[in-house]
Amino acid sequence: MFATRKRKHAGEDGFTLIELLVVVLIIGILAAIAIPSFLSQKDKATDASAKEAARSAAQAAETYATDHGGSYTGLKPGVLHEYEAAIQTSAGAGNAWVQVAESKEGGNGYVITAVAPTNGDLFTITKNEKGEVTRTCKAESAGTAGCPTGDW
């Protein structure tokens, strides 16, 4: 009876310590590769929200100029919020917000800067008196997720 029981369990040894350590090492290497790429995706998402805030503010600025005879004089973040309630004008709730909105060149142009919520990256839209629009960015964080070249 005991001899039968020994033979029955002889093939069920399990894993050795070395085998378990190799598996844990492989999982650790894969995690070390995957985690940084996931973190940069989060930064890209927050940068995209700041870009969208800047675009919405630029569109509201155009509406403001239409209502004021083509002039951007008096343009401020609070004024843009009156034109588009979705534009956030101060930090909070983990959302991107418009930090700067002002007229330039005698009211014939504007500068709008939005801030990404978690990493503080800055995204700026500038319109000059000729109507030319430029988009620039400044990465405040260690990574350059949504701002690899300084413009967007």
N, C-alpha and C. Protein backbone atom coordinates (compact mmCIF):
# COMPACT_ATOMS: atom_id res chain seq x y z
N MET A 1 0.82 -1.18 0.00
CA MET A 1 0.00 0.00 0.00
C MET A 1 0.88 1.26 0.00
N PHE A 2 1.93 1.32 0.83
CA PHE A 2 2.82 2.48 0.88
C PHE A 2 3.66 2.58 -0.38
N ALA A 3 4.03 1.49 -0.96
CA ALA A 3 4.84 1.49 -2.19
C ALA A 3 4.04 2.10 -3.34
N THR A 4 2.77 1.84 -3.42
CA THR A 4 1.91 2.39 -4.46
C THR A 4 1.79 3.89 -4.31
N ARG A 5 1.65 4.36 -3.11
CA ARG A 5 1.51 5.79 -2.85
C ARG A 5 2.80 6.53 -3.24
N LYS A 6 3.97 5.97 -2.97
CA LYS A 6 5.23 6.59 -3.33
C LYS A 6 5.38 6.71 -4.84
N ARG A 7 5.03 5.69 -5.57
CA ARG A 7 5.14 5.72 -7.02
C ARG A 7 4.17 6.72 -7.63
N LYS A 8 3.03 6.86 -7.07
CA LYS A 8 2.00 7.75 -7.61
C LYS A 8 2.46 9.22 -7.52
N HIS A 9 3.13 9.63 -6.47
CA HIS A 9 3.55 11.00 -6.25
C HIS A 9 4.98 11.28 -6.72
N ALA A 10 5.65 10.33 -7.25
CA ALA A 10 7.05 10.49 -7.63
C ALA A 10 7.21 11.52 -8.76
N GLY A 11 6.28 11.69 -9.68
CA GLY A 11 6.40 12.61 -10.80
C GLY A 11 5.91 14.02 -10.49
N GLU A 12 5.46 14.31 -9.29
CA GLU A 12 4.91 15.60 -8.94
C GLU A 12 5.85 16.36 -8.00
N ASP A 13 7.04 16.68 -8.51
CA ASP A 13 8.04 17.31 -7.67
C ASP A 13 7.82 18.81 -7.49
N GLY A 14 7.33 19.52 -8.49
CA GLY A 14 7.17 20.97 -8.42
C GLY A 14 8.36 21.68 -9.03
N PHE A 15 8.45 22.99 -8.83
CA PHE A 15 9.53 23.79 -9.41
C PHE A 15 10.67 23.93 -8.42
N THR A 16 11.86 24.04 -8.97
CA THR A 16 13.02 24.27 -8.11
C THR A 16 13.14 25.76 -7.83
N LEU A 17 13.93 26.09 -6.86
CA LEU A 17 14.15 27.49 -6.50
C LEU A 17 14.77 28.27 -7.65
N ILE A 18 15.69 27.65 -8.36
CA ILE A 18 16.34 28.31 -9.51
C ILE A 18 15.31 28.64 -10.59
N GLU A 19 14.41 27.72 -10.89
CA GLU A 19 13.38 27.96 -11.90
C GLU A 19 12.47 29.13 -11.49
N LEU A 20 12.10 29.16 -10.23
CA LEU A 20 11.26 30.26 -9.75
C LEU A 20 12.00 31.59 -9.82
N LEU A 21 13.26 31.62 -9.48
CA LEU A 21 14.05 32.85 -9.55
C LEU A 21 14.20 33.35 -10.99
N VAL A 22 14.37 32.44 -11.93
CA VAL A 22 14.48 32.82 -13.34
C VAL A 22 13.17 33.45 -13.81
N VAL A 23 12.05 32.88 -13.44
CA VAL A 23 10.75 33.44 -13.84
C VAL A 23 10.55 34.83 -13.23
N VAL A 24 10.89 35.00 -11.97
CA VAL A 24 10.75 36.31 -11.32
C VAL A 24 11.68 37.33 -11.98
N LEU A 25 12.88 36.93 -12.35
CA LEU A 25 13.81 37.81 -13.04
C LEU A 25 13.28 38.24 -14.39
N ILE A 26 12.71 37.33 -15.14
CA ILE A 26 12.14 37.66 -16.46
C ILE A 26 10.97 38.63 -16.30
N ILE A 27 10.11 38.41 -15.34
CA ILE A 27 8.97 39.32 -15.10
C ILE A 27 9.49 40.70 -14.71
N GLY A 28 10.52 40.76 -13.89
CA GLY A 28 11.10 42.05 -13.50
C GLY A 28 11.67 42.80 -14.68
N ILE A 29 12.35 42.12 -15.57
CA ILE A 29 12.91 42.76 -16.77
C ILE A 29 11.79 43.30 -17.66
N LEU A 30 10.76 42.51 -17.87
CA LEU A 30 9.64 42.97 -18.69
C LEU A 30 8.94 44.17 -18.07
N ALA A 31 8.79 44.18 -16.76
CA ALA A 31 8.17 45.32 -16.07
C ALA A 31 9.04 46.57 -16.20
N ALA A 32 10.35 46.40 -16.12
CA ALA A 32 11.26 47.55 -16.25
C ALA A 32 11.20 48.16 -17.64
N ILE A 33 10.89 47.36 -18.63
CA ILE A 33 10.76 47.86 -20.00
C ILE A 33 9.40 48.52 -20.20
N ALA A 34 8.34 47.93 -19.67
CA ALA A 34 6.98 48.39 -19.94
C ALA A 34 6.57 49.62 -19.14
N ILE A 35 6.96 49.72 -17.90
CA ILE A 35 6.47 50.81 -17.04
C ILE A 35 6.84 52.20 -17.56
N PRO A 36 8.07 52.46 -17.98
CA PRO A 36 8.38 53.81 -18.50
C PRO A 36 7.55 54.20 -19.72
N SER A 37 7.25 53.24 -20.58
CA SER A 37 6.44 53.59 -21.75
C SER A 37 5.01 53.94 -21.34
N PHE A 38 4.48 53.29 -20.32
CA PHE A 38 3.15 53.66 -19.83
C PHE A 38 3.16 55.03 -19.19
N LEU A 39 4.21 55.38 -18.49
CA LEU A 39 4.30 56.69 -17.85
C LEU A 39 4.36 57.81 -18.88
N SER A 40 5.06 57.60 -19.98
CA SER A 40 5.11 58.64 -21.01
C SER A 40 3.75 58.80 -21.68
N GLN A 41 2.97 57.75 -21.74
CA GLN A 41 1.63 57.86 -22.32
C GLN A 41 0.76 58.78 -21.48
N LYS A 42 0.91 58.72 -20.18
CA LYS A 42 0.14 59.60 -19.30
C LYS A 42 0.53 61.05 -19.52
N ASP A 43 1.84 61.31 -19.66
CA ASP A 43 2.31 62.68 -19.94
C ASP A 43 1.79 63.18 -21.28
N LYS A 44 1.74 62.29 -22.26
CA LYS A 44 1.21 62.69 -23.57
C LYS A 44 -0.27 63.06 -23.46
N ALA A 45 -1.00 62.34 -22.65
CA ALA A 45 -2.42 62.64 -22.48
C ALA A 45 -2.63 63.99 -21.80
N THR A 46 -1.84 64.29 -20.77
CA THR A 46 -2.01 65.59 -20.10
C THR A 46 -1.57 66.73 -21.02
N ASP A 47 -0.54 66.49 -21.83
CA ASP A 47 -0.11 67.51 -22.79
C ASP A 47 -1.19 67.73 -23.85
N ALA A 48 -1.85 66.67 -24.26
CA ALA A 48 -2.94 66.80 -25.25
C ALA A 48 -4.08 67.64 -24.67
N SER A 49 -4.36 67.49 -23.39
CA SER A 49 -5.43 68.30 -22.79
C SER A 49 -5.04 69.77 -22.76
N ALA A 50 -3.76 70.07 -22.54
CA ALA A 50 -3.31 71.47 -22.56
C ALA A 50 -3.37 72.04 -23.98
N LYS A 51 -3.02 71.24 -24.96
CA LYS A 51 -3.12 71.70 -26.35
C LYS A 51 -4.57 72.02 -26.71
N GLU A 52 -5.46 71.17 -26.26
CA GLU A 52 -6.88 71.41 -26.53
C GLU A 52 -7.37 72.67 -25.83
N ALA A 53 -6.90 72.91 -24.60
CA ALA A 53 -7.28 74.14 -23.90
C ALA A 53 -6.79 75.37 -24.65
N ALA A 54 -5.57 75.30 -25.17
CA ALA A 54 -5.02 76.43 -25.95
C ALA A 54 -5.82 76.64 -27.23
N ARG A 55 -6.19 75.56 -27.92
CA ARG A 55 -6.98 75.69 -29.15
C ARG A 55 -8.36 76.28 -28.86
N SER A 56 -8.99 75.81 -27.78
CA SER A 56 -10.31 76.35 -27.43
C SER A 56 -10.21 77.83 -27.08
N ALA A 57 -9.15 78.20 -26.37
CA ALA A 57 -8.96 79.60 -26.02
C ALA A 57 -8.70 80.45 -27.27
N ALA A 58 -7.95 79.92 -28.23
CA ALA A 58 -7.70 80.66 -29.48
C ALA A 58 -9.00 80.87 -30.25
N GLN A 59 -9.85 79.86 -30.26
CA GLN A 59 -11.13 80.00 -30.95
C GLN A 59 -12.01 81.03 -30.23
N ALA A 60 -12.00 81.03 -28.91
CA ALA A 60 -12.76 82.03 -28.15
C ALA A 60 -12.18 83.42 -28.39
N ALA A 61 -10.85 83.52 -28.55
CA ALA A 61 -10.23 84.81 -28.83
C ALA A 61 -10.68 85.35 -30.19
N GLU A 62 -10.83 84.48 -31.15
CA GLU A 62 -11.32 84.91 -32.47
C GLU A 62 -12.76 85.41 -32.37
N THR A 63 -13.56 84.74 -31.57
CA THR A 63 -14.94 85.20 -31.35
C THR A 63 -14.95 86.56 -30.66
N TYR A 64 -14.07 86.71 -29.68
CA TYR A 64 -13.94 87.99 -28.97
C TYR A 64 -13.58 89.10 -29.96
N ALA A 65 -12.62 88.85 -30.84
CA ALA A 65 -12.20 89.86 -31.82
C ALA A 65 -13.34 90.20 -32.78
N THR A 66 -14.12 89.22 -33.15
CA THR A 66 -15.27 89.48 -34.02
C THR A 66 -16.25 90.43 -33.35
N ASP A 67 -16.47 90.23 -32.06
CA ASP A 67 -17.39 91.09 -31.31
C ASP A 67 -16.83 92.47 -31.03
N HIS A 68 -15.51 92.65 -31.18
CA HIS A 68 -14.86 93.93 -30.86
C HIS A 68 -14.15 94.54 -32.07
N GLY A 69 -14.77 94.42 -33.21
CA GLY A 69 -14.28 95.09 -34.41
C GLY A 69 -12.91 94.61 -34.89
N GLY A 70 -12.58 93.36 -34.64
CA GLY A 70 -11.31 92.80 -35.09
C GLY A 70 -10.15 93.04 -34.15
N SER A 71 -10.40 93.63 -33.00
CA SER A 71 -9.33 93.93 -32.05
C SER A 71 -9.33 92.93 -30.90
N TYR A 72 -8.13 92.58 -30.46
CA TYR A 72 -7.97 91.67 -29.33
C TYR A 72 -7.68 92.43 -28.03
N THR A 73 -7.76 93.75 -28.06
CA THR A 73 -7.48 94.56 -26.88
C THR A 73 -8.46 94.18 -25.76
N GLY A 74 -7.91 94.00 -24.57
CA GLY A 74 -8.73 93.61 -23.41
C GLY A 74 -8.85 92.12 -23.23
N LEU A 75 -8.15 91.36 -24.03
CA LEU A 75 -8.22 89.90 -23.95
C LEU A 75 -7.53 89.40 -22.67
N LYS A 76 -8.25 88.58 -21.90
CA LYS A 76 -7.74 88.01 -20.65
C LYS A 76 -8.34 86.61 -20.48
N PRO A 77 -7.73 85.78 -19.65
CA PRO A 77 -8.31 84.44 -19.44
C PRO A 77 -9.76 84.47 -18.97
N GLY A 78 -10.09 85.39 -18.08
CA GLY A 78 -11.47 85.49 -17.59
C GLY A 78 -12.45 85.84 -18.69
N VAL A 79 -12.03 86.69 -19.62
CA VAL A 79 -12.88 87.06 -20.75
C VAL A 79 -13.12 85.85 -21.64
N LEU A 80 -12.08 85.05 -21.87
CA LEU A 80 -12.24 83.84 -22.68
C LEU A 80 -13.19 82.86 -22.01
N HIS A 81 -13.12 82.78 -20.69
CA HIS A 81 -14.03 81.91 -19.95
C HIS A 81 -15.49 82.35 -20.14
N GLU A 82 -15.71 83.65 -20.25
CA GLU A 82 -17.07 84.15 -20.50
C GLU A 82 -17.58 83.71 -21.87
N TYR A 83 -16.68 83.65 -22.84
CA TYR A 83 -17.07 83.22 -24.18
C TYR A 83 -17.22 81.71 -24.28
N GLU A 84 -16.39 80.98 -23.56
CA GLU A 84 -16.45 79.51 -23.57
C GLU A 84 -16.29 79.02 -22.14
N ALA A 85 -17.38 78.57 -21.55
CA ALA A 85 -17.38 78.18 -20.14
C ALA A 85 -16.48 76.99 -19.84
N ALA A 86 -16.13 76.20 -20.85
CA ALA A 86 -15.28 75.02 -20.63
C ALA A 86 -13.81 75.39 -20.44
N ILE A 87 -13.44 76.64 -20.71
CA ILE A 87 -12.06 77.07 -20.55
C ILE A 87 -11.79 77.32 -19.08
N GLN A 88 -10.86 76.55 -18.52
CA GLN A 88 -10.49 76.71 -17.11
C GLN A 88 -9.39 77.75 -17.02
N THR A 89 -9.52 78.67 -16.06
CA THR A 89 -8.57 79.79 -15.97
C THR A 89 -7.67 79.73 -14.74
N SER A 90 -7.75 78.65 -13.98
CA SER A 90 -6.85 78.48 -12.84
C SER A 90 -6.62 76.99 -12.64
N ALA A 91 -5.52 76.68 -11.97
CA ALA A 91 -5.18 75.28 -11.72
C ALA A 91 -6.20 74.66 -10.77
N GLY A 92 -6.48 73.39 -10.99
CA GLY A 92 -7.39 72.69 -10.11
C GLY A 92 -8.10 71.55 -10.80
N ALA A 93 -8.51 70.59 -10.04
CA ALA A 93 -9.28 69.43 -10.50
C ALA A 93 -8.52 68.61 -11.53
N GLY A 94 -7.20 68.76 -11.60
CA GLY A 94 -6.41 67.95 -12.52
C GLY A 94 -6.63 68.26 -13.98
N ASN A 95 -7.13 69.47 -14.28
CA ASN A 95 -7.40 69.85 -15.66
C ASN A 95 -6.37 70.84 -16.17
N ALA A 96 -6.19 70.86 -17.49
CA ALA A 96 -5.34 71.88 -18.10
C ALA A 96 -6.03 73.23 -17.95
N TRP A 97 -5.25 74.30 -17.92
CA TRP A 97 -5.85 75.62 -17.74
C TRP A 97 -5.08 76.67 -18.53
N VAL A 98 -5.79 77.75 -18.84
CA VAL A 98 -5.21 78.85 -19.60
C VAL A 98 -4.57 79.83 -18.62
N GLN A 99 -3.26 79.97 -18.71
CA GLN A 99 -2.51 80.82 -17.80
C GLN A 99 -2.41 82.25 -18.32
N VAL A 100 -2.16 82.38 -19.63
CA VAL A 100 -1.96 83.69 -20.24
C VAL A 100 -2.90 83.83 -21.43
N ALA A 101 -3.57 84.97 -21.51
CA ALA A 101 -4.34 85.35 -22.69
C ALA A 101 -4.28 86.86 -22.74
N GLU A 102 -3.56 87.39 -23.71
CA GLU A 102 -3.40 88.85 -23.79
C GLU A 102 -3.23 89.28 -25.23
N SER A 103 -3.62 90.52 -25.47
CA SER A 103 -3.44 91.08 -26.80
C SER A 103 -2.01 91.55 -26.96
N LYS A 104 -1.58 91.66 -28.20
CA LYS A 104 -0.24 92.18 -28.48
C LYS A 104 -0.29 92.96 -29.78
N GLU A 105 0.75 93.69 -30.04
CA GLU A 105 0.89 94.46 -31.28
C GLU A 105 -0.29 95.41 -31.48
N GLY A 106 -0.61 96.17 -30.45
CA GLY A 106 -1.67 97.17 -30.56
C GLY A 106 -3.06 96.58 -30.72
N GLY A 107 -3.27 95.38 -30.23
CA GLY A 107 -4.59 94.75 -30.32
C GLY A 107 -4.80 93.97 -31.60
N ASN A 108 -3.77 93.87 -32.45
CA ASN A 108 -3.90 93.15 -33.72
C ASN A 108 -3.43 91.70 -33.64
N GLY A 109 -3.05 91.24 -32.49
CA GLY A 109 -2.60 89.87 -32.29
C GLY A 109 -2.82 89.45 -30.86
N TYR A 110 -2.47 88.20 -30.56
CA TYR A 110 -2.65 87.71 -29.19
C TYR A 110 -1.63 86.63 -28.86
N VAL A 111 -1.52 86.37 -27.57
CA VAL A 111 -0.71 85.28 -27.04
C VAL A 111 -1.58 84.53 -26.04
N ILE A 112 -1.65 83.21 -26.22
CA ILE A 112 -2.42 82.36 -25.31
C ILE A 112 -1.51 81.23 -24.88
N THR A 113 -1.42 81.00 -23.57
CA THR A 113 -0.60 79.91 -23.03
C THR A 113 -1.44 79.05 -22.12
N ALA A 114 -1.40 77.73 -22.38
CA ALA A 114 -2.10 76.76 -21.54
C ALA A 114 -1.07 75.89 -20.83
N VAL A 115 -1.43 75.43 -19.64
CA VAL A 115 -0.54 74.65 -18.80
C VAL A 115 -1.09 73.23 -18.66
N ALA A 116 -0.22 72.23 -18.88
CA ALA A 116 -0.61 70.83 -18.68
C ALA A 116 -0.73 70.57 -17.17
N PRO A 117 -1.72 69.79 -16.76
CA PRO A 117 -2.01 69.66 -15.33
C PRO A 117 -0.96 68.97 -14.47
N THR A 118 -0.39 67.87 -14.91
CA THR A 118 0.50 67.13 -14.01
C THR A 118 1.97 67.45 -14.17
N ASN A 119 2.40 67.77 -15.38
CA ASN A 119 3.84 67.99 -15.58
C ASN A 119 4.21 69.46 -15.78
N GLY A 120 3.23 70.35 -15.91
CA GLY A 120 3.51 71.77 -16.03
C GLY A 120 4.02 72.23 -17.37
N ASP A 121 3.96 71.39 -18.40
CA ASP A 121 4.39 71.80 -19.73
C ASP A 121 3.53 72.96 -20.21
N LEU A 122 4.14 73.90 -20.95
CA LEU A 122 3.44 75.09 -21.44
C LEU A 122 3.25 75.02 -22.94
N PHE A 123 2.04 75.31 -23.39
CA PHE A 123 1.71 75.30 -24.82
C PHE A 123 1.16 76.67 -25.19
N THR A 124 1.81 77.33 -26.15
CA THR A 124 1.49 78.71 -26.50
C THR A 124 1.06 78.82 -27.94
N ILE A 125 0.00 79.59 -28.17
CA ILE A 125 -0.43 79.96 -29.52
C ILE A 125 -0.28 81.47 -29.62
N THR A 126 0.45 81.92 -30.65
CA THR A 126 0.69 83.34 -30.87
C THR A 126 0.19 83.71 -32.25
N LYS A 127 -0.57 84.79 -32.31
CA LYS A 127 -1.03 85.32 -33.60
C LYS A 127 -0.48 86.73 -33.73
N ASN A 128 0.24 86.98 -34.83
CA ASN A 128 0.82 88.31 -35.01
C ASN A 128 -0.13 89.20 -35.82
N GLU A 129 0.28 90.44 -36.03
CA GLU A 129 -0.60 91.41 -36.71
C GLU A 129 -0.89 91.03 -38.17
N LYS A 130 -0.06 90.18 -38.76
CA LYS A 130 -0.28 89.74 -40.14
C LYS A 130 -1.25 88.55 -40.20
N GLY A 131 -1.62 88.03 -39.04
CA GLY A 131 -2.53 86.89 -38.99
C GLY A 131 -1.83 85.55 -38.98
N GLU A 132 -0.49 85.57 -38.90
CA GLU A 132 0.27 84.32 -38.86
C GLU A 132 0.21 83.73 -37.45
N VAL A 133 -0.07 82.45 -37.38
CA VAL A 133 -0.21 81.76 -36.11
C VAL A 133 0.97 80.81 -35.91
N THR A 134 1.59 80.88 -34.75
CA THR A 134 2.66 79.95 -34.39
C THR A 134 2.29 79.24 -33.11
N ARG A 135 2.71 77.99 -33.03
CA ARG A 135 2.46 77.18 -31.84
C ARG A 135 3.80 76.73 -31.28
N THR A 136 4.07 77.10 -30.05
CA THR A 136 5.32 76.70 -29.40
C THR A 136 5.01 76.02 -28.09
N CYS A 137 5.98 75.27 -27.60
CA CYS A 137 5.80 74.59 -26.32
C CYS A 137 7.12 74.57 -25.57
N LYS A 138 6.97 74.42 -24.26
CA LYS A 138 8.14 74.34 -23.40
C LYS A 138 7.90 73.22 -22.40
N ALA A 139 8.75 72.20 -22.46
CA ALA A 139 8.62 71.05 -21.56
C ALA A 139 9.23 71.41 -20.22
N GLU A 140 8.41 71.46 -19.19
CA GLU A 140 8.87 71.76 -17.83
C GLU A 140 9.30 70.50 -17.10
N SER A 141 8.84 69.35 -17.56
CA SER A 141 9.15 68.09 -16.89
C SER A 141 10.39 67.46 -17.52
N ALA A 142 10.84 66.37 -16.92
CA ALA A 142 12.04 65.68 -17.41
C ALA A 142 11.81 65.10 -18.79
N GLY A 143 10.64 64.56 -19.04
CA GLY A 143 10.33 64.00 -20.35
C GLY A 143 9.79 65.07 -21.28
N THR A 144 9.75 64.77 -22.56
CA THR A 144 9.23 65.72 -23.54
C THR A 144 8.06 65.09 -24.27
N ALA A 145 7.15 64.51 -23.53
CA ALA A 145 6.07 63.71 -24.10
C ALA A 145 5.34 64.39 -25.24
N GLY A 146 4.71 65.53 -24.99
CA GLY A 146 3.94 66.19 -26.03
C GLY A 146 4.67 67.38 -26.64
N CYS A 147 5.94 67.56 -26.28
CA CYS A 147 6.71 68.70 -26.74
C CYS A 147 8.15 68.28 -27.08
N PRO A 148 8.31 67.39 -28.06
CA PRO A 148 9.67 66.91 -28.34
C PRO A 148 10.54 67.91 -29.10
N THR A 149 9.94 68.84 -29.87
CA THR A 149 10.75 69.71 -30.72
C THR A 149 10.65 71.19 -30.38
N GLY A 150 9.80 71.56 -29.45
CA GLY A 150 9.63 72.97 -29.11
C GLY A 150 8.48 73.64 -29.82
N ASP A 151 7.86 72.94 -30.77
CA ASP A 151 6.63 73.44 -31.39
C ASP A 151 5.67 72.27 -31.59
N TRP A 152 4.42 72.60 -31.89
CA TRP A 152 3.40 71.56 -32.04
C TRP A 152 2.41 71.91 -33.11
